[in-house]
Amino acid sequence: MKMTMHIDEDVLDRVMKITGAKTKREAVEIALNEMARRHKLKELFTQGLGLTPEELKAAFAPDSTTSDTATLRVAEDKTPYGKSGHS
């Protein structure tokens, strides 16, 4: 879909640097996909995935019993540029 938008150039430049996007369009698409991904994760965590808080902590930070600070790393397969992730 083609549209005209007014986007803060400083923010757009920052997104391009952070993501490595080569075009403004790619930067906007990456940012929108990231926002949707974060919302989906928030929904999943709100639902609790059917686990107790202790089970969630163990599933995402198995070594958290030996460390005060646990690191959560989440990744998804990238959708090829220009393709939607939905069928």
PDB file of N, CA and C in Angstrom:
ATOM      1  N   MET A   1       0.838  -1.159   0.000  1.00  0.00           N
ATOM      2  CA  MET A   1       0.000   0.000   0.000  1.00  0.00           C
ATOM      3  C   MET A   1       0.895   1.239   0.000  1.00  0.00           C
ATOM      4  N   LYS A   2       0.541   2.162  -0.821  1.00  0.00           N
ATOM      5  CA  LYS A   2       1.312   3.396  -0.911  1.00  0.00           C
ATOM      6  C   LYS A   2       0.575   4.475  -0.128  1.00  0.00           C
ATOM      7  N   MET A   3       1.349   5.244   0.677  1.00  0.00           N
ATOM      8  CA  MET A   3       0.750   6.338   1.433  1.00  0.00           C
ATOM      9  C   MET A   3       1.793   7.406   1.702  1.00  0.00           C
ATOM     10  N   THR A   4       1.316   8.589   2.013  1.00  0.00           N
ATOM     11  CA  THR A   4       2.200   9.690   2.373  1.00  0.00           C
ATOM     12  C   THR A   4       2.114   9.877   3.876  1.00  0.00           C
ATOM     13  N   MET A   5       3.291   9.971   4.518  1.00  0.00           N
ATOM     14  CA  MET A   5       3.327  10.128   5.971  1.00  0.00           C
ATOM     15  C   MET A   5       4.371  11.164   6.338  1.00  0.00           C
ATOM     16  N   HIS A   6       4.147  11.842   7.441  1.00  0.00           N
ATOM     17  CA  HIS A   6       5.129  12.768   7.979  1.00  0.00           C
ATOM     18  C   HIS A   6       5.790  12.055   9.157  1.00  0.00           C
ATOM     19  N   ILE A   7       7.076  11.741   9.017  1.00  0.00           N
ATOM     20  CA  ILE A   7       7.819  11.010  10.042  1.00  0.00           C
ATOM     21  C   ILE A   7       9.013  11.858  10.451  1.00  0.00           C
ATOM     22  N   ASP A   8       9.241  11.948  11.747  1.00  0.00           N
ATOM     23  CA  ASP A   8      10.375  12.688  12.285  1.00  0.00           C
ATOM     24  C   ASP A   8      11.663  12.117  11.681  1.00  0.00           C
ATOM     25  N   GLU A   9      12.408  12.931  10.948  1.00  0.00           N
ATOM     26  CA  GLU A   9      13.633  12.475  10.266  1.00  0.00           C
ATOM     27  C   GLU A   9      14.687  11.952  11.237  1.00  0.00           C
ATOM     28  N   ASP A  10      14.814  12.588  12.410  1.00  0.00           N
ATOM     29  CA  ASP A  10      15.802  12.134  13.397  1.00  0.00           C
ATOM     30  C   ASP A  10      15.471  10.729  13.891  1.00  0.00           C
ATOM     31  N   VAL A  11      14.197  10.491  14.149  1.00  0.00           N
ATOM     32  CA  VAL A  11      13.778   9.164  14.605  1.00  0.00           C
ATOM     33  C   VAL A  11      14.005   8.139  13.497  1.00  0.00           C
ATOM     34  N   LEU A  12      13.642   8.502  12.291  1.00  0.00           N
ATOM     35  CA  LEU A  12      13.818   7.587  11.166  1.00  0.00           C
ATOM     36  C   LEU A  12      15.296   7.272  10.936  1.00  0.00           C
ATOM     37  N   ASP A  13      16.151   8.288  11.004  1.00  0.00           N
ATOM     38  CA  ASP A  13      17.597   8.061  10.866  1.00  0.00           C
ATOM     39  C   ASP A  13      18.108   7.124  11.949  1.00  0.00           C
ATOM     40  N   ARG A  14      17.623   7.323  13.181  1.00  0.00           N
ATOM     41  CA  ARG A  14      18.049   6.460  14.287  1.00  0.00           C
ATOM     42  C   ARG A  14      17.619   5.009  14.057  1.00  0.00           C
ATOM     43  N   VAL A  15      16.382   4.819  13.610  1.00  0.00           N
ATOM     44  CA  VAL A  15      15.885   3.471  13.333  1.00  0.00           C
ATOM     45  C   VAL A  15      16.721   2.818  12.233  1.00  0.00           C
ATOM     46  N   MET A  16      17.076   3.593  11.206  1.00  0.00           N
ATOM     47  CA  MET A  16      17.891   3.048  10.117  1.00  0.00           C
ATOM     48  C   MET A  16      19.262   2.605  10.635  1.00  0.00           C
ATOM     49  N   LYS A  17      19.860   3.391  11.526  1.00  0.00           N
ATOM     50  CA  LYS A  17      21.163   3.022  12.087  1.00  0.00           C
ATOM     51  C   LYS A  17      21.052   1.798  12.981  1.00  0.00           C
ATOM     52  N   ILE A  18      20.036   1.775  13.829  1.00  0.00           N
ATOM     53  CA  ILE A  18      19.851   0.655  14.763  1.00  0.00           C
ATOM     54  C   ILE A  18      19.606  -0.657  14.015  1.00  0.00           C
ATOM     55  N   THR A  19      18.766  -0.608  12.990  1.00  0.00           N
ATOM     56  CA  THR A  19      18.355  -1.833  12.297  1.00  0.00           C
ATOM     57  C   THR A  19      19.244  -2.200  11.116  1.00  0.00           C
ATOM     58  N   GLY A  20      20.001  -1.224  10.634  1.00  0.00           N
ATOM     59  CA  GLY A  20      20.804  -1.481   9.442  1.00  0.00           C
ATOM     60  C   GLY A  20      19.987  -1.415   8.158  1.00  0.00           C
ATOM     61  N   ALA A  21      18.778  -0.866   8.253  1.00  0.00           N
ATOM     62  CA  ALA A  21      17.919  -0.743   7.077  1.00  0.00           C
ATOM     63  C   ALA A  21      18.594   0.153   6.039  1.00  0.00           C
ATOM     64  N   LYS A  22      18.483  -0.241   4.779  1.00  0.00           N
ATOM     65  CA  LYS A  22      19.112   0.515   3.702  1.00  0.00           C
ATOM     66  C   LYS A  22      18.201   1.599   3.134  1.00  0.00           C
ATOM     67  N   THR A  23      16.895   1.449   3.354  1.00  0.00           N
ATOM     68  CA  THR A  23      15.945   2.443   2.847  1.00  0.00           C
ATOM     69  C   THR A  23      15.007   2.871   3.971  1.00  0.00           C
ATOM     70  N   LYS A  24      14.367   4.017   3.773  1.00  0.00           N
ATOM     71  CA  LYS A  24      13.405   4.506   4.750  1.00  0.00           C
ATOM     72  C   LYS A  24      12.222   3.555   4.847  1.00  0.00           C
ATOM     73  N   ARG A  25      11.793   3.061   3.706  1.00  0.00           N
ATOM     74  CA  ARG A  25      10.663   2.124   3.689  1.00  0.00           C
ATOM     75  C   ARG A  25      10.989   0.876   4.500  1.00  0.00           C
ATOM     76  N   GLU A  26      12.181   0.357   4.313  1.00  0.00           N
ATOM     77  CA  GLU A  26      12.592  -0.839   5.046  1.00  0.00           C
ATOM     78  C   GLU A  26      12.637  -0.544   6.550  1.00  0.00           C
ATOM     79  N   ALA A  27      13.124   0.625   6.935  1.00  0.00           N
ATOM     80  CA  ALA A  27      13.195   1.001   8.348  1.00  0.00           C
ATOM     81  C   ALA A  27      11.803   1.062   8.971  1.00  0.00           C
ATOM     82  N   VAL A  28      10.856   1.650   8.266  1.00  0.00           N
ATOM     83  CA  VAL A  28       9.486   1.743   8.768  1.00  0.00           C
ATOM     84  C   VAL A  28       8.886   0.348   8.892  1.00  0.00           C
ATOM     85  N   GLU A  29       9.097  -0.492   7.912  1.00  0.00           N
ATOM     86  CA  GLU A  29       8.561  -1.853   7.950  1.00  0.00           C
ATOM     87  C   GLU A  29       9.154  -2.645   9.112  1.00  0.00           C
ATOM     88  N   ILE A  30      10.452  -2.525   9.319  1.00  0.00           N
ATOM     89  CA  ILE A  30      11.106  -3.214  10.433  1.00  0.00           C
ATOM     90  C   ILE A  30      10.531  -2.727  11.761  1.00  0.00           C
ATOM     91  N   ALA A  31      10.389  -1.413  11.902  1.00  0.00           N
ATOM     92  CA  ALA A  31       9.871  -0.843  13.147  1.00  0.00           C
ATOM     93  C   ALA A  31       8.438  -1.318  13.418  1.00  0.00           C
ATOM     94  N   LEU A  32       7.606  -1.349  12.386  1.00  0.00           N
ATOM     95  CA  LEU A  32       6.221  -1.800  12.561  1.00  0.00           C
ATOM     96  C   LEU A  32       6.173  -3.282  12.939  1.00  0.00           C
ATOM     97  N   ASN A  33       6.989  -4.094  12.265  1.00  0.00           N
ATOM     98  CA  ASN A  33       7.029  -5.522  12.594  1.00  0.00           C
ATOM     99  C   ASN A  33       7.528  -5.754  14.015  1.00  0.00           C
ATOM    100  N   GLU A  34       8.513  -4.985  14.442  1.00  0.00           N
ATOM    101  CA  GLU A  34       9.039  -5.112  15.799  1.00  0.00           C
ATOM    102  C   GLU A  34       7.979  -4.738  16.828  1.00  0.00           C
ATOM    103  N   MET A  35       7.227  -3.679  16.563  1.00  0.00           N
ATOM    104  CA  MET A  35       6.164  -3.274  17.480  1.00  0.00           C
ATOM    105  C   MET A  35       5.106  -4.368  17.591  1.00  0.00           C
ATOM    106  N   ALA A  36       4.720  -4.965  16.474  1.00  0.00           N
ATOM    107  CA  ALA A  36       3.738  -6.050  16.485  1.00  0.00           C
ATOM    108  C   ALA A  36       4.288  -7.267  17.231  1.00  0.00           C
ATOM    109  N   ARG A  37       5.577  -7.574  17.040  1.00  0.00           N
ATOM    110  CA  ARG A  37       6.211  -8.707  17.718  1.00  0.00           C
ATOM    111  C   ARG A  37       6.224  -8.494  19.226  1.00  0.00           C
ATOM    112  N   ARG A  38       6.577  -7.288  19.645  1.00  0.00           N
ATOM    113  CA  ARG A  38       6.617  -6.988  21.085  1.00  0.00           C
ATOM    114  C   ARG A  38       5.233  -7.096  21.709  1.00  0.00           C
ATOM    115  N   HIS A  39       4.224  -6.621  20.984  1.00  0.00           N
ATOM    116  CA  HIS A  39       2.857  -6.714  21.502  1.00  0.00           C
ATOM    117  C   HIS A  39       2.444  -8.176  21.651  1.00  0.00           C
ATOM    118  N   LYS A  40       2.783  -8.992  20.669  1.00  0.00           N
ATOM    119  CA  LYS A  40       2.457 -10.421  20.725  1.00  0.00           C
ATOM    120  C   LYS A  40       3.137 -11.078  21.934  1.00  0.00           C
ATOM    121  N   LEU A  41       4.408 -10.756  22.161  1.00  0.00           N
ATOM    122  CA  LEU A  41       5.118 -11.302  23.317  1.00  0.00           C
ATOM    123  C   LEU A  41       4.457 -10.862  24.614  1.00  0.00           C
ATOM    124  N   LYS A  42       4.069  -9.593  24.688  1.00  0.00           N
ATOM    125  CA  LYS A  42       3.414  -9.083  25.894  1.00  0.00           C
ATOM    126  C   LYS A  42       2.122  -9.848  26.162  1.00  0.00           C
ATOM    127  N   GLU A  43       1.348 -10.092  25.101  1.00  0.00           N
ATOM    128  CA  GLU A  43       0.114 -10.871  25.257  1.00  0.00           C
ATOM    129  C   GLU A  43       0.409 -12.274  25.762  1.00  0.00           C
ATOM    130  N   LEU A  44       1.424 -12.914  25.195  1.00  0.00           N
ATOM    131  CA  LEU A  44       1.770 -14.270  25.623  1.00  0.00           C
ATOM    132  C   LEU A  44       2.203 -14.293  27.086  1.00  0.00           C
ATOM    133  N   PHE A  45       3.023 -13.332  27.478  1.00  0.00           N
ATOM    134  CA  PHE A  45       3.470 -13.285  28.870  1.00  0.00           C
ATOM    135  C   PHE A  45       2.325 -12.963  29.815  1.00  0.00           C
ATOM    136  N   THR A  46       1.378 -12.131  29.374  1.00  0.00           N
ATOM    137  CA  THR A  46       0.214 -11.810  30.194  1.00  0.00           C
ATOM    138  C   THR A  46      -0.628 -13.056  30.428  1.00  0.00           C
ATOM    139  N   GLN A  47      -0.734 -13.898  29.402  1.00  0.00           N
ATOM    140  CA  GLN A  47      -1.488 -15.147  29.523  1.00  0.00           C
ATOM    141  C   GLN A  47      -0.743 -16.162  30.386  1.00  0.00           C
ATOM    142  N   GLY A  48       0.551 -15.973  30.545  1.00  0.00           N
ATOM    143  CA  GLY A  48       1.341 -16.860  31.388  1.00  0.00           C
ATOM    144  C   GLY A  48       1.730 -18.163  30.729  1.00  0.00           C
ATOM    145  N   LEU A  49       1.333 -18.363  29.499  1.00  0.00           N
ATOM    146  CA  LEU A  49       1.675 -19.573  28.750  1.00  0.00           C
ATOM    147  C   LEU A  49       1.241 -20.847  29.486  1.00  0.00           C
ATOM    148  N   GLY A  50       0.316 -20.710  30.427  1.00  0.00           N
ATOM    149  CA  GLY A  50      -0.168 -21.862  31.178  1.00  0.00           C
ATOM    150  C   GLY A  50       0.811 -22.367  32.222  1.00  0.00           C
ATOM    151  N   LEU A  51       1.817 -21.567  32.542  1.00  0.00           N
ATOM    152  CA  LEU A  51       2.841 -21.968  33.505  1.00  0.00           C
ATOM    153  C   LEU A  51       2.761 -21.096  34.754  1.00  0.00           C
ATOM    154  N   THR A  52       3.263 -21.628  35.855  1.00  0.00           N
ATOM    155  CA  THR A  52       3.366 -20.831  37.078  1.00  0.00           C
ATOM    156  C   THR A  52       4.506 -19.840  36.896  1.00  0.00           C
ATOM    157  N   PRO A  53       4.554 -18.773  37.702  1.00  0.00           N
ATOM    158  CA  PRO A  53       5.668 -17.824  37.595  1.00  0.00           C
ATOM    159  C   PRO A  53       7.032 -18.507  37.749  1.00  0.00           C
ATOM    160  N   GLU A  54       7.123 -19.494  38.618  1.00  0.00           N
ATOM    161  CA  GLU A  54       8.385 -20.208  38.808  1.00  0.00           C
ATOM    162  C   GLU A  54       8.766 -21.013  37.555  1.00  0.00           C
ATOM    163  N   GLU A  55       7.777 -21.643  36.926  1.00  0.00           N
ATOM    164  CA  GLU A  55       8.029 -22.415  35.707  1.00  0.00           C
ATOM    165  C   GLU A  55       8.441 -21.497  34.561  1.00  0.00           C
ATOM    166  N   LEU A  56       7.791 -20.328  34.455  1.00  0.00           N
ATOM    167  CA  LEU A  56       8.170 -19.361  33.425  1.00  0.00           C
ATOM    168  C   LEU A  56       9.609 -18.911  33.621  1.00  0.00           C
ATOM    169  N   LYS A  57       9.960 -18.576  34.850  1.00  0.00           N
ATOM    170  CA  LYS A  57      11.317 -18.123  35.138  1.00  0.00           C
ATOM    171  C   LYS A  57      12.323 -19.211  34.785  1.00  0.00           C
ATOM    172  N   ALA A  58      12.027 -20.449  35.135  1.00  0.00           N
ATOM    173  CA  ALA A  58      12.937 -21.554  34.831  1.00  0.00           C
ATOM    174  C   ALA A  58      13.027 -21.805  33.325  1.00  0.00           C
ATOM    175  N   ALA A  59      11.914 -21.639  32.608  1.00  0.00           N
ATOM    176  CA  ALA A  59      11.907 -21.899  31.169  1.00  0.00           C
ATOM    177  C   ALA A  59      12.717 -20.866  30.400  1.00  0.00           C
ATOM    178  N   PHE A  60      12.678 -19.599  30.842  1.00  0.00           N
ATOM    179  CA  PHE A  60      13.354 -18.542  30.112  1.00  0.00           C
ATOM    180  C   PHE A  60      14.709 -18.162  30.680  1.00  0.00           C
ATOM    181  N   ALA A  61      15.004 -18.591  31.880  1.00  0.00           N
ATOM    182  CA  ALA A  61      16.294 -18.309  32.510  1.00  0.00           C
ATOM    183  C   ALA A  61      16.685 -19.505  33.369  1.00  0.00           C
ATOM    184  N   PRO A  62      17.028 -20.631  32.720  1.00  0.00           N
ATOM    185  CA  PRO A  62      17.288 -21.853  33.468  1.00  0.00           C
ATOM    186  C   PRO A  62      18.409 -21.729  34.499  1.00  0.00           C
ATOM    187  N   ASP A  63      19.346 -20.818  34.295  1.00  0.00           N
ATOM    188  CA  ASP A  63      20.430 -20.667  35.252  1.00  0.00           C
ATOM    189  C   ASP A  63      20.153 -19.548  36.253  1.00  0.00           C
ATOM    190  N   SER A  64      18.893 -19.100  36.350  1.00  0.00           N
ATOM    191  CA  SER A  64      18.568 -17.979  37.230  1.00  0.00           C
ATOM    192  C   SER A  64      18.729 -18.324  38.702  1.00  0.00           C
ATOM    193  N   THR A  65      18.792 -19.606  39.020  1.00  0.00           N
ATOM    194  CA  THR A  65      18.965 -19.989  40.416  1.00  0.00           C
ATOM    195  C   THR A  65      20.373 -19.688  40.898  1.00  0.00           C
ATOM    196  N   THR A  66      21.319 -19.543  39.956  1.00  0.00           N
ATOM    197  CA  THR A  66      22.698 -19.260  40.339  1.00  0.00           C
ATOM    198  C   THR A  66      23.077 -17.811  40.093  1.00  0.00           C
ATOM    199  N   SER A  67      22.162 -17.035  39.524  1.00  0.00           N
ATOM    200  CA  SER A  67      22.471 -15.654  39.184  1.00  0.00           C
ATOM    201  C   SER A  67      21.326 -14.746  39.591  1.00  0.00           C
ATOM    202  N   ASP A  68      21.655 -13.557  40.059  1.00  0.00           N
ATOM    203  CA  ASP A  68      20.623 -12.586  40.422  1.00  0.00           C
ATOM    204  C   ASP A  68      19.991 -11.970  39.186  1.00  0.00           C
ATOM    205  N   THR A  69      20.739 -11.891  38.088  1.00  0.00           N
ATOM    206  CA  THR A  69      20.257 -11.256  36.872  1.00  0.00           C
ATOM    207  C   THR A  69      20.143 -12.297  35.770  1.00  0.00           C
ATOM    208  N   ALA A  70      18.935 -12.451  35.254  1.00  0.00           N
ATOM    209  CA  ALA A  70      18.702 -13.399  34.166  1.00  0.00           C
ATOM    210  C   ALA A  70      18.511 -12.627  32.874  1.00  0.00           C
ATOM    211  N   THR A  71      19.041 -13.147  31.783  1.00  0.00           N
ATOM    212  CA  THR A  71      18.908 -12.497  30.490  1.00  0.00           C
ATOM    213  C   THR A  71      17.888 -13.259  29.669  1.00  0.00           C
ATOM    214  N   LEU A  72      16.917 -12.549  29.132  1.00  0.00           N
ATOM    215  CA  LEU A  72      15.892 -13.138  28.297  1.00  0.00           C
ATOM    216  C   LEU A  72      16.226 -12.836  26.849  1.00  0.00           C
ATOM    217  N   ARG A  73      16.362 -13.869  26.050  1.00  0.00           N
ATOM    218  CA  ARG A  73      16.648 -13.678  24.623  1.00  0.00           C
ATOM    219  C   ARG A  73      15.558 -14.367  23.826  1.00  0.00           C
ATOM    220  N   VAL A  74      14.905 -13.594  22.987  1.00  0.00           N
ATOM    221  CA  VAL A  74      13.816 -14.106  22.185  1.00  0.00           C
ATOM    222  C   VAL A  74      14.106 -13.764  20.739  1.00  0.00           C
ATOM    223  N   ALA A  75      13.895 -14.718  19.850  1.00  0.00           N
ATOM    224  CA  ALA A  75      14.128 -14.467  18.422  1.00  0.00           C
ATOM    225  C   ALA A  75      13.044 -15.153  17.614  1.00  0.00           C
ATOM    226  N   GLU A  76      12.747 -14.572  16.507  1.00  0.00           N
ATOM    227  CA  GLU A  76      11.807 -15.156  15.561  1.00  0.00           C
ATOM    228  C   GLU A  76      12.475 -15.209  14.201  1.00  0.00           C
ATOM    229  N   ASP A  77      12.018 -16.135  13.367  1.00  0.00           N
ATOM    230  CA  ASP A  77      12.506 -16.162  11.999  1.00  0.00           C
ATOM    231  C   ASP A  77      12.078 -14.882  11.315  1.00  0.00           C
ATOM    232  N   LYS A  78      12.976 -14.292  10.535  1.00  0.00           N
ATOM    233  CA  LYS A  78      12.636 -13.074   9.804  1.00  0.00           C
ATOM    234  C   LYS A  78      11.768 -13.427   8.604  1.00  0.00           C
ATOM    235  N   THR A  79      10.749 -12.613   8.381  1.00  0.00           N
ATOM    236  CA  THR A  79       9.930 -12.748   7.189  1.00  0.00           C
ATOM    237  C   THR A  79      10.666 -12.069   6.053  1.00  0.00           C
ATOM    238  N   PRO A  80      10.798 -12.733   4.901  1.00  0.00           N
ATOM    239  CA  PRO A  80      11.488 -12.088   3.772  1.00  0.00           C
ATOM    240  C   PRO A  80      10.842 -10.756   3.454  1.00  0.00           C
ATOM    241  N   TYR A  81      11.687  -9.778   3.135  1.00  0.00           N
ATOM    242  CA  TYR A  81      11.235  -8.423   2.830  1.00  0.00           C
ATOM    243  C   TYR A  81      10.178  -8.460   1.732  1.00  0.00           C
ATOM    244  N   GLY A  82       9.086  -7.753   1.966  1.00  0.00           N
ATOM    245  CA  GLY A  82       8.023  -7.663   0.967  1.00  0.00           C
ATOM    246  C   GLY A  82       7.018  -8.794   1.055  1.00  0.00           C
ATOM    247  N   LYS A  83       7.240  -9.720   1.964  1.00  0.00           N
ATOM    248  CA  LYS A  83       6.316 -10.844   2.136  1.00  0.00           C
ATOM    249  C   LYS A  83       5.616 -10.677   3.477  1.00  0.00           C
ATOM    250  N   SER A  84       4.352 -11.035   3.541  1.00  0.00           N
ATOM    251  CA  SER A  84       3.668 -10.994   4.836  1.00  0.00           C
ATOM    252  C   SER A  84       3.912 -12.313   5.538  1.00  0.00           C
ATOM    253  N   GLY A  85       3.865 -12.282   6.848  1.00  0.00           N
ATOM    254  CA  GLY A  85       4.089 -13.491   7.628  1.00  0.00           C
ATOM    255  C   GLY A  85       2.838 -14.336   7.740  1.00  0.00           C
ATOM    256  N   HIS A  86       1.754 -13.885   7.089  1.00  0.00           N
ATOM    257  CA  HIS A  86       0.493 -14.604   7.183  1.00  0.00           C
ATOM    258  C   HIS A  86       0.130 -15.236   5.859  1.00  0.00           C
ATOM    259  N   SER A  87      -0.564 -16.355   5.958  1.00  0.00           N
ATOM    260  CA  SER A  87      -0.999 -17.049   4.728  1.00  0.00           C
ATOM    261  C   SER A  87      -2.391 -16.638   4.349  1.00  0.00           C
TER     262      SER A  87
END
